[in-house]
Structures are given as C-alpha cells and as structure tokens.
Amino acid sequence: MITPGHGRRPAEMHNTAINVQNRVLSVVRSVLQQNAISADVHPESRLVDIGLSSMGMVELMLKVEAEFDLILPQFEITPENFRSVKAMERMILNQLGSGSG
C-alpha cells in the first residue's frame, strides 16, 4: 500500500511541512515589505485582507517558484492556492511530493 509522503515517516513529513511553512512565511513577509505593507502574518492570514494586490500576488507566485525551485502548473495558480500561507504550504507540499515519485 502506498501512503502519502512516499514512504517518509510522520516526523519527517511534519518537519518538511514546518520548513515549507517557515519559508513561505519568509517569502510572504518579503513581498509585503517590498509593497510597503506592514502586517502581522500568520499561516491562516488571508493575504488579500492584509492588503496584497493582484500584482503583489503575481510577485509572490514568482518568488515562491524561485524559493522552492518549482514551476507551478497552470492549474495550481488559483486564488484559493494563494489565499493564505497555509494554502500555499499545501500546494507546495503537493508539488514537492508529486515531483519526487
């Protein structure tokens, strides 16, 4: 039986998720700072509510791709996947997992 995580132990998967979340938070904070937006960002924070514009979202997508050395497939580039840090984390973990199998 194949399980999510491609044979990784739960502790490894948890550490990977924490690492991804921290890296996404760092990228989001960087984009906010470049756009002169000062806000306290948490994993569940809605980025549109914080003040990130559509151009800021494009910038965020490009920086996420660069940070994780990914090219996001068109179907992943949706408002839902960039709604929050948590949503981006799920998308990135999915992409990292699908690329390793």
N, C-alpha and C. Protein backbone atom coordinates (compact mmCIF):
# COMPACT_ATOMS: atom_id res chain seq x y z
N MET A 1 0.84 -1.19 0.00
CA MET A 1 0.00 0.00 0.00
C MET A 1 0.88 1.24 0.00
N ILE A 2 0.56 2.18 -0.89
CA ILE A 2 1.31 3.43 -0.97
C ILE A 2 0.59 4.48 -0.15
N THR A 3 1.36 5.17 0.68
CA THR A 3 0.78 6.20 1.54
C THR A 3 1.32 7.56 1.13
N PRO A 4 0.61 8.63 1.46
CA PRO A 4 1.12 9.98 1.16
C PRO A 4 2.46 10.19 1.82
N GLY A 5 3.33 10.92 1.14
CA GLY A 5 4.65 11.20 1.69
C GLY A 5 5.70 10.27 1.13
N HIS A 6 5.30 9.35 0.25
CA HIS A 6 6.23 8.48 -0.44
C HIS A 6 7.19 7.77 0.51
N GLY A 7 6.66 7.14 1.54
CA GLY A 7 7.48 6.34 2.44
C GLY A 7 8.15 7.12 3.55
N ARG A 8 7.94 8.41 3.60
CA ARG A 8 8.55 9.18 4.69
C ARG A 8 7.81 8.91 5.98
N ARG A 9 8.57 8.94 7.06
CA ARG A 9 7.95 8.77 8.38
C ARG A 9 7.19 10.03 8.74
N PRO A 10 6.19 9.91 9.64
CA PRO A 10 5.40 11.09 10.04
C PRO A 10 6.26 12.24 10.55
N ALA A 11 7.31 11.95 11.32
CA ALA A 11 8.16 13.03 11.84
C ALA A 11 8.85 13.77 10.71
N GLU A 12 9.30 13.04 9.69
CA GLU A 12 9.95 13.69 8.55
C GLU A 12 8.96 14.56 7.80
N MET A 13 7.74 14.05 7.60
CA MET A 13 6.72 14.82 6.90
C MET A 13 6.38 16.08 7.69
N HIS A 14 6.29 15.97 9.01
CA HIS A 14 5.99 17.13 9.86
C HIS A 14 7.10 18.16 9.74
N ASN A 15 8.36 17.71 9.82
CA ASN A 15 9.49 18.64 9.71
C ASN A 15 9.51 19.32 8.35
N THR A 16 9.19 18.58 7.29
CA THR A 16 9.13 19.16 5.95
C THR A 16 8.05 20.23 5.89
N ALA A 17 6.88 19.94 6.45
CA ALA A 17 5.78 20.90 6.46
C ALA A 17 6.16 22.17 7.22
N ILE A 18 6.81 22.01 8.37
CA ILE A 18 7.25 23.17 9.16
C ILE A 18 8.25 24.00 8.36
N ASN A 19 9.20 23.34 7.71
CA ASN A 19 10.20 24.02 6.90
C ASN A 19 9.53 24.79 5.76
N VAL A 20 8.59 24.15 5.06
CA VAL A 20 7.88 24.80 3.96
C VAL A 20 7.12 26.01 4.49
N GLN A 21 6.41 25.84 5.60
CA GLN A 21 5.63 26.94 6.16
C GLN A 21 6.53 28.12 6.53
N ASN A 22 7.66 27.85 7.16
CA ASN A 22 8.58 28.93 7.53
C ASN A 22 9.13 29.65 6.31
N ARG A 23 9.45 28.90 5.27
CA ARG A 23 9.97 29.51 4.04
C ARG A 23 8.89 30.33 3.35
N VAL A 24 7.66 29.84 3.32
CA VAL A 24 6.56 30.59 2.71
C VAL A 24 6.31 31.87 3.50
N LEU A 25 6.30 31.77 4.82
CA LEU A 25 6.13 32.97 5.66
C LEU A 25 7.20 34.01 5.35
N SER A 26 8.43 33.57 5.20
CA SER A 26 9.53 34.48 4.90
C SER A 26 9.32 35.16 3.55
N VAL A 27 8.91 34.40 2.54
CA VAL A 27 8.66 34.97 1.21
C VAL A 27 7.51 35.96 1.27
N VAL A 28 6.42 35.61 1.95
CA VAL A 28 5.26 36.50 2.06
C VAL A 28 5.67 37.80 2.75
N ARG A 29 6.40 37.70 3.84
CA ARG A 29 6.83 38.91 4.56
C ARG A 29 7.71 39.79 3.68
N SER A 30 8.57 39.17 2.88
CA SER A 30 9.43 39.91 1.97
C SER A 30 8.61 40.66 0.92
N VAL A 31 7.62 39.99 0.34
CA VAL A 31 6.77 40.63 -0.67
C VAL A 31 5.96 41.76 -0.04
N LEU A 32 5.43 41.54 1.15
CA LEU A 32 4.67 42.59 1.84
C LEU A 32 5.55 43.81 2.09
N GLN A 33 6.77 43.56 2.55
CA GLN A 33 7.69 44.66 2.83
C GLN A 33 8.02 45.43 1.55
N GLN A 34 8.25 44.71 0.45
CA GLN A 34 8.55 45.37 -0.82
C GLN A 34 7.37 46.19 -1.32
N ASN A 35 6.17 45.83 -0.91
CA ASN A 35 4.97 46.56 -1.31
C ASN A 35 4.52 47.55 -0.23
N ALA A 36 5.40 47.84 0.72
CA ALA A 36 5.14 48.81 1.79
C ALA A 36 3.88 48.47 2.59
N ILE A 37 3.69 47.17 2.85
CA ILE A 37 2.57 46.71 3.66
C ILE A 37 3.13 46.17 4.96
N SER A 38 2.72 46.77 6.07
CA SER A 38 3.17 46.26 7.36
C SER A 38 1.99 45.55 8.01
N ALA A 39 2.14 44.26 8.19
CA ALA A 39 1.08 43.45 8.78
C ALA A 39 1.70 42.26 9.48
N ASP A 40 1.03 41.79 10.50
CA ASP A 40 1.44 40.60 11.21
C ASP A 40 0.85 39.40 10.47
N VAL A 41 1.70 38.58 9.88
CA VAL A 41 1.24 37.47 9.04
C VAL A 41 1.32 36.16 9.81
N HIS A 42 0.23 35.41 9.77
CA HIS A 42 0.14 34.08 10.37
C HIS A 42 -0.24 33.09 9.28
N PRO A 43 -0.07 31.80 9.52
CA PRO A 43 -0.40 30.81 8.49
C PRO A 43 -1.82 30.92 7.93
N GLU A 44 -2.78 31.32 8.76
CA GLU A 44 -4.17 31.40 8.29
C GLU A 44 -4.57 32.79 7.82
N SER A 45 -3.66 33.77 7.88
CA SER A 45 -3.99 35.13 7.45
C SER A 45 -4.39 35.14 5.97
N ARG A 46 -5.49 35.83 5.67
CA ARG A 46 -5.91 35.99 4.27
C ARG A 46 -5.10 37.13 3.67
N LEU A 47 -4.32 36.82 2.65
CA LEU A 47 -3.38 37.79 2.10
C LEU A 47 -4.07 38.98 1.44
N VAL A 48 -5.23 38.76 0.85
CA VAL A 48 -5.98 39.88 0.26
C VAL A 48 -6.44 40.82 1.36
N ASP A 49 -6.88 40.27 2.49
CA ASP A 49 -7.32 41.10 3.61
C ASP A 49 -6.18 41.92 4.20
N ILE A 50 -4.97 41.39 4.12
CA ILE A 50 -3.79 42.11 4.62
C ILE A 50 -3.47 43.29 3.71
N GLY A 51 -3.86 43.20 2.44
CA GLY A 51 -3.64 44.30 1.52
C GLY A 51 -2.81 43.96 0.30
N LEU A 52 -2.52 42.69 0.07
CA LEU A 52 -1.72 42.30 -1.08
C LEU A 52 -2.57 42.42 -2.35
N SER A 53 -2.08 43.18 -3.31
CA SER A 53 -2.80 43.42 -4.57
C SER A 53 -2.60 42.25 -5.53
N SER A 54 -3.27 42.31 -6.67
CA SER A 54 -3.11 41.25 -7.66
C SER A 54 -1.68 41.24 -8.20
N MET A 55 -1.06 42.40 -8.36
CA MET A 55 0.35 42.44 -8.79
C MET A 55 1.24 41.86 -7.70
N GLY A 56 0.91 42.13 -6.46
CA GLY A 56 1.66 41.53 -5.35
C GLY A 56 1.54 40.02 -5.35
N MET A 57 0.36 39.53 -5.71
CA MET A 57 0.15 38.07 -5.79
C MET A 57 1.01 37.44 -6.88
N VAL A 58 1.12 38.13 -8.02
CA VAL A 58 1.98 37.63 -9.11
C VAL A 58 3.43 37.60 -8.64
N GLU A 59 3.85 38.67 -7.98
CA GLU A 59 5.21 38.73 -7.43
C GLU A 59 5.43 37.60 -6.43
N LEU A 60 4.44 37.35 -5.59
CA LEU A 60 4.52 36.28 -4.60
C LEU A 60 4.66 34.92 -5.29
N MET A 61 3.86 34.69 -6.33
CA MET A 61 3.93 33.42 -7.05
C MET A 61 5.33 33.20 -7.63
N LEU A 62 5.90 34.24 -8.24
CA LEU A 62 7.23 34.12 -8.82
C LEU A 62 8.29 33.85 -7.75
N LYS A 63 8.16 34.51 -6.62
CA LYS A 63 9.13 34.30 -5.54
C LYS A 63 8.99 32.91 -4.91
N VAL A 64 7.77 32.41 -4.82
CA VAL A 64 7.55 31.05 -4.31
C VAL A 64 8.19 30.04 -5.26
N GLU A 65 7.99 30.24 -6.57
CA GLU A 65 8.61 29.34 -7.55
C GLU A 65 10.13 29.36 -7.41
N ALA A 66 10.71 30.55 -7.25
CA ALA A 66 12.16 30.66 -7.10
C ALA A 66 12.64 30.03 -5.80
N GLU A 67 11.94 30.30 -4.70
CA GLU A 67 12.34 29.77 -3.39
C GLU A 67 12.36 28.25 -3.36
N PHE A 68 11.38 27.63 -4.01
CA PHE A 68 11.26 26.17 -3.95
C PHE A 68 11.72 25.49 -5.24
N ASP A 69 12.31 26.26 -6.15
CA ASP A 69 12.80 25.73 -7.42
C ASP A 69 11.71 24.93 -8.13
N LEU A 70 10.54 25.55 -8.25
CA LEU A 70 9.37 24.93 -8.87
C LEU A 70 8.90 25.77 -10.05
N ILE A 71 8.25 25.12 -10.97
CA ILE A 71 7.43 25.81 -11.96
C ILE A 71 6.03 25.30 -11.71
N LEU A 72 5.19 26.17 -11.18
CA LEU A 72 3.84 25.75 -10.82
C LEU A 72 3.01 25.50 -12.07
N PRO A 73 2.34 24.36 -12.13
CA PRO A 73 1.45 24.11 -13.27
C PRO A 73 0.30 25.11 -13.27
N GLN A 74 -0.18 25.42 -14.45
CA GLN A 74 -1.25 26.42 -14.59
C GLN A 74 -2.44 26.13 -13.68
N PHE A 75 -2.81 24.85 -13.54
CA PHE A 75 -3.99 24.51 -12.74
C PHE A 75 -3.80 24.81 -11.26
N GLU A 76 -2.56 24.99 -10.79
CA GLU A 76 -2.31 25.30 -9.38
C GLU A 76 -2.36 26.81 -9.11
N ILE A 77 -2.32 27.61 -10.17
CA ILE A 77 -2.29 29.06 -9.99
C ILE A 77 -3.73 29.56 -9.90
N THR A 78 -4.27 29.44 -8.69
CA THR A 78 -5.65 29.82 -8.42
C THR A 78 -5.69 30.73 -7.19
N PRO A 79 -6.72 31.55 -7.08
CA PRO A 79 -6.86 32.38 -5.87
C PRO A 79 -6.89 31.55 -4.60
N GLU A 80 -7.50 30.38 -4.66
CA GLU A 80 -7.59 29.52 -3.47
C GLU A 80 -6.21 29.09 -2.98
N ASN A 81 -5.30 28.76 -3.90
CA ASN A 81 -3.97 28.30 -3.51
C ASN A 81 -3.07 29.41 -2.99
N PHE A 82 -3.45 30.66 -3.25
CA PHE A 82 -2.67 31.80 -2.77
C PHE A 82 -3.45 32.63 -1.76
N ARG A 83 -4.49 32.03 -1.20
CA ARG A 83 -5.35 32.72 -0.23
C ARG A 83 -4.60 33.01 1.07
N SER A 84 -3.77 32.06 1.50
CA SER A 84 -3.07 32.19 2.79
C SER A 84 -1.76 31.42 2.73
N VAL A 85 -0.93 31.61 3.74
CA VAL A 85 0.32 30.85 3.84
C VAL A 85 0.00 29.36 3.91
N LYS A 86 -1.02 29.00 4.68
CA LYS A 86 -1.40 27.59 4.83
C LYS A 86 -1.80 26.98 3.49
N ALA A 87 -2.57 27.73 2.70
CA ALA A 87 -2.98 27.23 1.38
C ALA A 87 -1.78 27.04 0.47
N MET A 88 -0.85 27.99 0.50
CA MET A 88 0.37 27.85 -0.32
C MET A 88 1.21 26.67 0.15
N GLU A 89 1.29 26.49 1.46
CA GLU A 89 2.04 25.36 2.02
C GLU A 89 1.49 24.04 1.48
N ARG A 90 0.16 23.87 1.50
CA ARG A 90 -0.45 22.64 0.99
C ARG A 90 -0.11 22.43 -0.49
N MET A 91 -0.22 23.50 -1.27
CA MET A 91 0.07 23.41 -2.70
C MET A 91 1.53 23.02 -2.94
N ILE A 92 2.44 23.65 -2.22
CA ILE A 92 3.87 23.38 -2.40
C ILE A 92 4.20 21.95 -1.97
N LEU A 93 3.68 21.52 -0.83
CA LEU A 93 3.93 20.14 -0.40
C LEU A 93 3.40 19.15 -1.43
N ASN A 94 2.25 19.45 -2.01
CA ASN A 94 1.70 18.60 -3.06
C ASN A 94 2.64 18.55 -4.26
N GLN A 95 3.15 19.71 -4.67
CA GLN A 95 4.06 19.76 -5.81
C GLN A 95 5.38 19.06 -5.51
N LEU A 96 5.91 19.26 -4.33
CA LEU A 96 7.17 18.60 -3.96
C LEU A 96 6.98 17.09 -3.90
N GLY A 97 5.83 16.66 -3.39
CA GLY A 97 5.54 15.22 -3.32
C GLY A 97 5.33 14.61 -4.68
N SER A 98 4.64 15.32 -5.58
CA SER A 98 4.37 14.76 -6.90
C SER A 98 5.63 14.73 -7.75
N GLY A 99 6.58 15.60 -7.44
CA GLY A 99 7.82 15.61 -8.20
C GLY A 99 8.82 14.58 -7.76
N SER A 100 8.59 13.96 -6.60
CA SER A 100 9.58 13.01 -6.07
C SER A 100 9.21 11.57 -6.34
N GLY A 101 8.03 11.31 -6.94
CA GLY A 101 7.58 9.96 -7.10
C GLY A 101 8.00 9.37 -8.37
